[in-house]
Amino acid sequence: MSSKRGRFTGRHMATIMVLGFGVVIGVNFLMAHYAVSTFGGVVVENSYVASQDFNRWLDEAAKEKALGWKAQAMRRSDGKLYVRIEQAPSGATLSGDAWHPLGVEDDMALTFDADGHGGYTSRESVPAGRWTLRLAVKADGHIWHTEEPLS
């Protein structure tokens, strides 16, 4: 007596193949969706042109590092930012912008008011979430740039 219960047929193999390839294709579409939806944009418009300025950027960064200035940023409860600049001379001015690392929110230009003691408060409120601050301090003919994460 032969029993159909224990036999492996072509229908079983077809089911395994369809399900197997279905999983692979489904995962590929899911990963492609995540890759496209989280791409933050272009880092530089033209890599060749950017490479021509690379050594100049390194020299500027070395000069800025030699100034010894440091920044610490924090978000206040009202959403405004407080930035403390250490070792910068009095009369320094601060400007900057906030950008969302994943490009979900639009970039925000920020203006700051000095408190006279090395601290600066933004006039604008930054929405909650993860942001990166690009700051520029100008004092005594020097310009110092930094990026600070803001959570």
N, C-alpha and C. Protein backbone atom coordinates (compact mmCIF):
# COMPACT_ATOMS: atom_id res chain seq x y z
N MET A 1 0.82 -1.18 0.00
CA MET A 1 0.00 0.00 0.00
C MET A 1 0.87 1.24 0.00
N SER A 2 0.50 2.13 -0.84
CA SER A 2 1.24 3.38 -0.89
C SER A 2 0.39 4.49 -0.27
N SER A 3 1.07 5.31 0.47
CA SER A 3 0.37 6.41 1.14
C SER A 3 0.86 7.74 0.58
N LYS A 4 -0.06 8.66 0.25
CA LYS A 4 0.31 9.97 -0.29
C LYS A 4 0.77 10.92 0.83
N ARG A 5 0.54 10.54 2.04
CA ARG A 5 0.83 11.43 3.15
C ARG A 5 2.32 11.72 3.30
N GLY A 6 3.22 10.84 3.08
CA GLY A 6 4.64 11.01 3.30
C GLY A 6 5.41 11.34 2.04
N ARG A 7 4.76 11.58 0.93
CA ARG A 7 5.47 11.80 -0.33
C ARG A 7 5.74 13.29 -0.54
N PHE A 8 6.91 13.57 -1.06
CA PHE A 8 7.30 14.94 -1.42
C PHE A 8 7.04 15.09 -2.91
N THR A 9 6.17 16.00 -3.26
CA THR A 9 5.75 16.13 -4.65
C THR A 9 6.27 17.44 -5.25
N GLY A 10 6.04 17.60 -6.53
CA GLY A 10 6.42 18.83 -7.22
C GLY A 10 5.68 20.03 -6.68
N ARG A 11 4.47 19.81 -6.21
CA ARG A 11 3.69 20.90 -5.62
C ARG A 11 4.35 21.42 -4.34
N HIS A 12 4.92 20.51 -3.55
CA HIS A 12 5.65 20.93 -2.34
C HIS A 12 6.86 21.78 -2.72
N MET A 13 7.60 21.30 -3.73
CA MET A 13 8.80 22.03 -4.15
C MET A 13 8.44 23.41 -4.71
N ALA A 14 7.39 23.50 -5.48
CA ALA A 14 6.95 24.79 -6.03
C ALA A 14 6.56 25.75 -4.90
N THR A 15 5.88 25.26 -3.89
CA THR A 15 5.48 26.08 -2.74
C THR A 15 6.73 26.61 -2.02
N ILE A 16 7.71 25.75 -1.79
CA ILE A 16 8.95 26.14 -1.12
C ILE A 16 9.67 27.22 -1.93
N MET A 17 9.74 27.04 -3.26
CA MET A 17 10.43 28.00 -4.12
C MET A 17 9.73 29.35 -4.11
N VAL A 18 8.42 29.35 -4.25
CA VAL A 18 7.66 30.61 -4.27
C VAL A 18 7.79 31.33 -2.93
N LEU A 19 7.65 30.61 -1.84
CA LEU A 19 7.78 31.25 -0.52
C LEU A 19 9.21 31.76 -0.29
N GLY A 20 10.21 30.99 -0.66
CA GLY A 20 11.61 31.38 -0.47
C GLY A 20 11.94 32.65 -1.24
N PHE A 21 11.60 32.66 -2.55
CA PHE A 21 11.88 33.85 -3.34
C PHE A 21 11.00 35.02 -2.90
N GLY A 22 9.82 34.75 -2.45
CA GLY A 22 8.95 35.82 -1.94
C GLY A 22 9.56 36.52 -0.75
N VAL A 23 10.15 35.76 0.17
CA VAL A 23 10.81 36.35 1.35
C VAL A 23 11.99 37.20 0.91
N VAL A 24 12.82 36.68 0.00
CA VAL A 24 14.00 37.42 -0.46
C VAL A 24 13.58 38.72 -1.14
N ILE A 25 12.61 38.65 -2.02
CA ILE A 25 12.15 39.84 -2.73
C ILE A 25 11.51 40.83 -1.76
N GLY A 26 10.73 40.34 -0.82
CA GLY A 26 10.11 41.22 0.18
C GLY A 26 11.14 41.95 1.02
N VAL A 27 12.17 41.25 1.47
CA VAL A 27 13.22 41.88 2.27
C VAL A 27 13.97 42.91 1.42
N ASN A 28 14.24 42.60 0.15
CA ASN A 28 14.93 43.57 -0.72
C ASN A 28 14.12 44.85 -0.88
N PHE A 29 12.82 44.73 -1.09
CA PHE A 29 11.98 45.92 -1.22
C PHE A 29 11.95 46.72 0.08
N LEU A 30 11.87 46.03 1.21
CA LEU A 30 11.87 46.71 2.50
C LEU A 30 13.17 47.47 2.72
N MET A 31 14.30 46.84 2.45
CA MET A 31 15.60 47.50 2.63
C MET A 31 15.77 48.67 1.66
N ALA A 32 15.31 48.51 0.43
CA ALA A 32 15.39 49.61 -0.53
C ALA A 32 14.54 50.79 -0.06
N HIS A 33 13.38 50.51 0.50
CA HIS A 33 12.52 51.58 1.03
C HIS A 33 13.23 52.32 2.15
N TYR A 34 13.82 51.59 3.10
CA TYR A 34 14.54 52.24 4.20
C TYR A 34 15.73 53.04 3.70
N ALA A 35 16.46 52.51 2.72
CA ALA A 35 17.62 53.22 2.19
C ALA A 35 17.22 54.54 1.55
N VAL A 36 16.15 54.56 0.79
CA VAL A 36 15.72 55.77 0.09
C VAL A 36 15.07 56.75 1.06
N SER A 37 14.29 56.27 2.01
CA SER A 37 13.56 57.17 2.90
C SER A 37 14.45 57.80 3.97
N THR A 38 15.62 57.24 4.26
CA THR A 38 16.49 57.80 5.29
C THR A 38 17.71 58.49 4.72
N PHE A 39 17.84 58.59 3.40
CA PHE A 39 19.00 59.25 2.79
C PHE A 39 18.90 60.75 3.03
N GLY A 40 19.92 61.32 3.65
CA GLY A 40 19.89 62.72 4.03
C GLY A 40 20.22 63.69 2.93
N GLY A 41 20.67 63.23 1.80
CA GLY A 41 20.97 64.14 0.70
C GLY A 41 22.41 64.07 0.27
N VAL A 42 22.80 65.02 -0.54
CA VAL A 42 24.13 65.07 -1.13
C VAL A 42 25.10 65.71 -0.14
N VAL A 43 26.27 65.13 0.02
CA VAL A 43 27.28 65.69 0.90
C VAL A 43 27.97 66.86 0.22
N VAL A 44 28.41 66.67 -1.01
CA VAL A 44 28.98 67.76 -1.82
C VAL A 44 28.38 67.66 -3.21
N GLU A 45 28.23 68.80 -3.86
CA GLU A 45 27.64 68.81 -5.20
C GLU A 45 28.56 68.17 -6.23
N ASN A 46 29.85 68.47 -6.13
CA ASN A 46 30.79 67.99 -7.12
C ASN A 46 32.05 67.53 -6.39
N SER A 47 32.32 66.25 -6.37
CA SER A 47 33.45 65.70 -5.62
C SER A 47 34.79 66.22 -6.13
N TYR A 48 34.92 66.38 -7.43
CA TYR A 48 36.19 66.87 -7.99
C TYR A 48 36.48 68.29 -7.51
N VAL A 49 35.50 69.16 -7.58
CA VAL A 49 35.69 70.54 -7.13
C VAL A 49 35.99 70.56 -5.63
N ALA A 50 35.30 69.75 -4.86
CA ALA A 50 35.56 69.69 -3.42
C ALA A 50 36.97 69.21 -3.14
N SER A 51 37.49 68.30 -3.93
CA SER A 51 38.84 67.78 -3.70
C SER A 51 39.89 68.86 -3.93
N GLN A 52 39.60 69.85 -4.79
CA GLN A 52 40.55 70.93 -5.06
C GLN A 52 40.72 71.83 -3.84
N ASP A 53 39.69 71.90 -3.00
CA ASP A 53 39.73 72.77 -1.82
C ASP A 53 40.12 72.02 -0.54
N PHE A 54 40.37 70.73 -0.63
CA PHE A 54 40.56 69.90 0.56
C PHE A 54 41.74 70.38 1.41
N ASN A 55 42.90 70.62 0.80
CA ASN A 55 44.07 71.05 1.57
C ASN A 55 43.85 72.40 2.23
N ARG A 56 43.15 73.30 1.54
CA ARG A 56 42.83 74.60 2.14
C ARG A 56 41.93 74.41 3.36
N TRP A 57 40.96 73.49 3.26
CA TRP A 57 40.08 73.20 4.39
C TRP A 57 40.87 72.65 5.57
N LEU A 58 41.83 71.79 5.30
CA LEU A 58 42.66 71.24 6.38
C LEU A 58 43.46 72.34 7.06
N ASP A 59 44.03 73.27 6.28
CA ASP A 59 44.79 74.39 6.86
C ASP A 59 43.90 75.27 7.72
N GLU A 60 42.70 75.58 7.23
CA GLU A 60 41.76 76.40 8.00
C GLU A 60 41.37 75.69 9.30
N ALA A 61 41.14 74.39 9.23
CA ALA A 61 40.77 73.63 10.43
C ALA A 61 41.89 73.64 11.45
N ALA A 62 43.14 73.54 11.01
CA ALA A 62 44.28 73.56 11.93
C ALA A 62 44.38 74.93 12.62
N LYS A 63 44.16 76.01 11.87
CA LYS A 63 44.20 77.36 12.45
C LYS A 63 43.07 77.55 13.47
N GLU A 64 41.89 77.02 13.14
CA GLU A 64 40.75 77.14 14.06
C GLU A 64 41.00 76.34 15.34
N LYS A 65 41.59 75.16 15.20
CA LYS A 65 41.88 74.33 16.37
C LYS A 65 42.90 75.00 17.29
N ALA A 66 43.86 75.71 16.68
CA ALA A 66 44.89 76.39 17.47
C ALA A 66 44.31 77.52 18.34
N LEU A 67 43.13 78.04 17.98
CA LEU A 67 42.51 79.09 18.80
C LEU A 67 42.12 78.57 20.17
N GLY A 68 41.79 77.28 20.27
CA GLY A 68 41.45 76.68 21.55
C GLY A 68 40.04 76.96 22.04
N TRP A 69 39.19 77.49 21.17
CA TRP A 69 37.82 77.79 21.57
C TRP A 69 37.00 76.51 21.61
N LYS A 70 36.03 76.47 22.50
CA LYS A 70 35.15 75.30 22.64
C LYS A 70 33.72 75.77 22.82
N ALA A 71 32.79 74.95 22.34
CA ALA A 71 31.37 75.29 22.46
C ALA A 71 30.62 74.15 23.14
N GLN A 72 29.66 74.52 23.96
CA GLN A 72 28.74 73.57 24.58
C GLN A 72 27.33 74.09 24.37
N ALA A 73 26.50 73.25 23.77
CA ALA A 73 25.13 73.67 23.46
C ALA A 73 24.13 72.83 24.22
N MET A 74 23.04 73.48 24.60
CA MET A 74 21.95 72.76 25.27
C MET A 74 20.63 73.41 24.89
N ARG A 75 19.58 72.60 24.91
CA ARG A 75 18.24 73.11 24.61
C ARG A 75 17.55 73.45 25.93
N ARG A 76 16.99 74.65 25.99
CA ARG A 76 16.24 75.04 27.17
C ARG A 76 14.83 74.47 27.09
N SER A 77 14.08 74.58 28.17
CA SER A 77 12.72 74.02 28.21
C SER A 77 11.78 74.71 27.22
N ASP A 78 12.07 75.96 26.84
CA ASP A 78 11.23 76.66 25.87
C ASP A 78 11.64 76.38 24.42
N GLY A 79 12.62 75.49 24.21
CA GLY A 79 13.06 75.14 22.87
C GLY A 79 14.19 76.00 22.34
N LYS A 80 14.48 77.10 23.01
CA LYS A 80 15.58 77.94 22.58
C LYS A 80 16.90 77.31 23.00
N LEU A 81 17.96 77.66 22.30
CA LEU A 81 19.27 77.07 22.57
C LEU A 81 20.12 78.01 23.40
N TYR A 82 20.90 77.42 24.28
CA TYR A 82 21.89 78.18 25.03
C TYR A 82 23.24 77.59 24.67
N VAL A 83 24.15 78.43 24.17
CA VAL A 83 25.47 77.98 23.76
C VAL A 83 26.50 78.73 24.58
N ARG A 84 27.39 77.98 25.19
CA ARG A 84 28.48 78.58 25.97
C ARG A 84 29.76 78.41 25.16
N ILE A 85 30.45 79.53 24.89
CA ILE A 85 31.71 79.51 24.16
C ILE A 85 32.84 79.74 25.17
N GLU A 86 33.73 78.78 25.26
CA GLU A 86 34.83 78.87 26.22
C GLU A 86 36.08 79.39 25.52
N GLN A 87 36.81 80.24 26.19
CA GLN A 87 38.09 80.79 25.79
C GLN A 87 38.02 81.74 24.60
N ALA A 88 36.84 82.13 24.18
CA ALA A 88 36.71 83.13 23.11
C ALA A 88 36.82 84.51 23.73
N PRO A 89 37.40 85.48 23.03
CA PRO A 89 37.53 86.83 23.60
C PRO A 89 36.16 87.50 23.75
N SER A 90 36.11 88.48 24.63
CA SER A 90 34.85 89.21 24.80
C SER A 90 34.54 89.96 23.52
N GLY A 91 33.26 90.14 23.26
CA GLY A 91 32.83 90.80 22.05
C GLY A 91 32.67 89.86 20.87
N ALA A 92 32.86 88.57 21.10
CA ALA A 92 32.68 87.60 20.02
C ALA A 92 31.21 87.52 19.63
N THR A 93 30.96 87.26 18.36
CA THR A 93 29.59 87.09 17.88
C THR A 93 29.40 85.64 17.44
N LEU A 94 28.18 85.16 17.61
CA LEU A 94 27.86 83.76 17.27
C LEU A 94 26.73 83.74 16.27
N SER A 95 26.88 82.95 15.25
CA SER A 95 25.80 82.70 14.29
C SER A 95 25.80 81.20 14.00
N GLY A 96 24.73 80.73 13.39
CA GLY A 96 24.70 79.31 13.09
C GLY A 96 23.40 78.87 12.48
N ASP A 97 23.33 77.58 12.28
CA ASP A 97 22.10 76.98 11.79
C ASP A 97 21.97 75.59 12.38
N ALA A 98 20.75 75.11 12.39
CA ALA A 98 20.45 73.76 12.89
C ALA A 98 19.95 72.95 11.70
N TRP A 99 20.48 71.76 11.56
CA TRP A 99 20.01 70.88 10.48
C TRP A 99 19.71 69.51 11.04
N HIS A 100 18.71 68.91 10.48
CA HIS A 100 18.27 67.59 10.90
C HIS A 100 19.10 66.56 10.16
N PRO A 101 19.77 65.65 10.89
CA PRO A 101 20.69 64.71 10.25
C PRO A 101 20.06 63.86 9.15
N LEU A 102 18.80 63.55 9.24
CA LEU A 102 18.16 62.71 8.24
C LEU A 102 17.37 63.51 7.22
N GLY A 103 17.42 64.82 7.30
CA GLY A 103 16.73 65.66 6.32
C GLY A 103 15.22 65.65 6.45
N VAL A 104 14.71 65.17 7.58
CA VAL A 104 13.26 65.12 7.77
C VAL A 104 12.69 66.52 7.97
N GLU A 105 13.40 67.35 8.74
CA GLU A 105 12.99 68.73 8.99
C GLU A 105 13.84 69.67 8.14
N ASP A 106 13.31 70.84 7.82
CA ASP A 106 14.07 71.84 7.09
C ASP A 106 15.14 72.44 7.99
N ASP A 107 16.26 72.87 7.37
CA ASP A 107 17.30 73.55 8.12
C ASP A 107 16.75 74.86 8.68
N MET A 108 17.33 75.28 9.80
CA MET A 108 16.88 76.52 10.45
C MET A 108 18.08 77.44 10.65
N ALA A 109 17.97 78.69 10.19
CA ALA A 109 18.99 79.69 10.49
C ALA A 109 18.76 80.18 11.92
N LEU A 110 19.83 80.35 12.66
CA LEU A 110 19.74 80.75 14.06
C LEU A 110 20.48 82.07 14.28
N THR A 111 19.88 82.93 15.06
CA THR A 111 20.54 84.16 15.51
C THR A 111 20.64 84.10 17.03
N PHE A 112 21.73 84.62 17.54
CA PHE A 112 22.01 84.51 18.97
C PHE A 112 22.24 85.88 19.58
N ASP A 113 21.81 86.02 20.84
CA ASP A 113 22.07 87.21 21.64
C ASP A 113 23.05 86.84 22.74
N ALA A 114 24.10 87.66 22.90
CA ALA A 114 25.12 87.40 23.91
C ALA A 114 24.63 87.83 25.28
N ASP A 115 25.06 87.08 26.32
CA ASP A 115 24.70 87.47 27.69
C ASP A 115 25.84 88.22 28.38
N GLY A 116 26.98 88.40 27.68
CA GLY A 116 28.10 89.14 28.26
C GLY A 116 29.05 88.30 29.07
N HIS A 117 28.76 87.04 29.26
CA HIS A 117 29.61 86.16 30.06
C HIS A 117 30.01 84.90 29.30
N GLY A 118 30.07 84.98 27.98
CA GLY A 118 30.45 83.82 27.17
C GLY A 118 29.29 82.94 26.77
N GLY A 119 28.07 83.35 27.11
CA GLY A 119 26.89 82.57 26.76
C GLY A 119 26.05 83.27 25.71
N TYR A 120 25.36 82.49 24.92
CA TYR A 120 24.53 83.02 23.84
C TYR A 120 23.20 82.27 23.83
N THR A 121 22.11 83.00 23.65
CA THR A 121 20.78 82.40 23.60
C THR A 121 20.18 82.66 22.22
N SER A 122 19.62 81.60 21.63
CA SER A 122 19.02 81.76 20.30
C SER A 122 17.69 82.49 20.41
N ARG A 123 17.36 83.22 19.37
CA ARG A 123 16.07 83.89 19.32
C ARG A 123 14.99 82.91 18.86
N GLU A 124 15.40 81.90 18.12
CA GLU A 124 14.46 80.92 17.57
C GLU A 124 14.40 79.68 18.47
N SER A 125 13.25 79.04 18.47
CA SER A 125 13.09 77.77 19.16
C SER A 125 13.31 76.65 18.16
N VAL A 126 14.04 75.63 18.59
CA VAL A 126 14.31 74.47 17.75
C VAL A 126 13.39 73.34 18.19
N PRO A 127 12.65 72.74 17.25
CA PRO A 127 11.74 71.66 17.62
C PRO A 127 12.48 70.49 18.28
N ALA A 128 11.76 69.74 19.07
CA ALA A 128 12.34 68.58 19.74
C ALA A 128 12.84 67.60 18.70
N GLY A 129 13.80 66.80 19.09
CA GLY A 129 14.35 65.79 18.20
C GLY A 129 15.86 65.94 18.09
N ARG A 130 16.41 65.16 17.22
CA ARG A 130 17.86 65.13 17.02
C ARG A 130 18.24 66.15 15.95
N TRP A 131 19.17 67.05 16.29
CA TRP A 131 19.64 68.10 15.39
C TRP A 131 21.15 68.20 15.48
N THR A 132 21.75 68.78 14.47
CA THR A 132 23.17 69.12 14.51
C THR A 132 23.28 70.62 14.33
N LEU A 133 24.03 71.26 15.21
CA LEU A 133 24.23 72.71 15.14
C LEU A 133 25.55 72.99 14.44
N ARG A 134 25.51 73.85 13.45
CA ARG A 134 26.71 74.36 12.82
C ARG A 134 26.88 75.79 13.30
N LEU A 135 27.94 76.03 14.04
CA LEU A 135 28.13 77.33 14.67
C LEU A 135 29.37 78.01 14.11
N ALA A 136 29.32 79.34 14.04
CA ALA A 136 30.46 80.16 13.61
C ALA A 136 30.63 81.29 14.62
N VAL A 137 31.82 81.38 15.19
CA VAL A 137 32.15 82.44 16.15
C VAL A 137 33.15 83.38 15.46
N LYS A 138 32.87 84.67 15.53
CA LYS A 138 33.75 85.69 14.95
C LYS A 138 34.26 86.59 16.06
N ALA A 139 35.59 86.72 16.13
CA ALA A 139 36.19 87.61 17.13
C ALA A 139 37.64 87.91 16.74
N ASP A 140 38.03 89.13 16.91
CA ASP A 140 39.42 89.56 16.68
C ASP A 140 39.95 89.15 15.31
N GLY A 141 39.12 89.23 14.30
CA GLY A 141 39.55 88.89 12.94
C GLY A 141 39.62 87.39 12.66
N HIS A 142 39.21 86.58 13.61
CA HIS A 142 39.22 85.13 13.43
C HIS A 142 37.79 84.63 13.28
N ILE A 143 37.66 83.54 12.53
CA ILE A 143 36.36 82.85 12.44
C ILE A 143 36.62 81.40 12.83
N TRP A 144 35.80 80.91 13.74
CA TRP A 144 35.92 79.55 14.24
C TRP A 144 34.62 78.82 14.00
N HIS A 145 34.70 77.64 13.40
CA HIS A 145 33.52 76.84 13.09
C HIS A 145 33.52 75.55 13.91
N THR A 146 32.33 75.12 14.25
CA THR A 146 32.20 73.83 14.93
C THR A 146 30.83 73.25 14.66
N GLU A 147 30.71 71.97 14.87
CA GLU A 147 29.41 71.29 14.80
C GLU A 147 29.18 70.62 16.14
N GLU A 148 27.97 70.80 16.65
CA GLU A 148 27.61 70.25 17.95
C GLU A 148 26.33 69.44 17.81
N PRO A 149 26.31 68.22 18.31
CA PRO A 149 25.04 67.47 18.29
C PRO A 149 24.08 68.01 19.33
N LEU A 150 22.81 67.96 19.02
CA LEU A 150 21.78 68.42 19.94
C LEU A 150 20.67 67.38 19.95
N SER A 151 20.43 66.78 21.09
CA SER A 151 19.39 65.75 21.19
C SER A 151 18.14 66.29 21.81
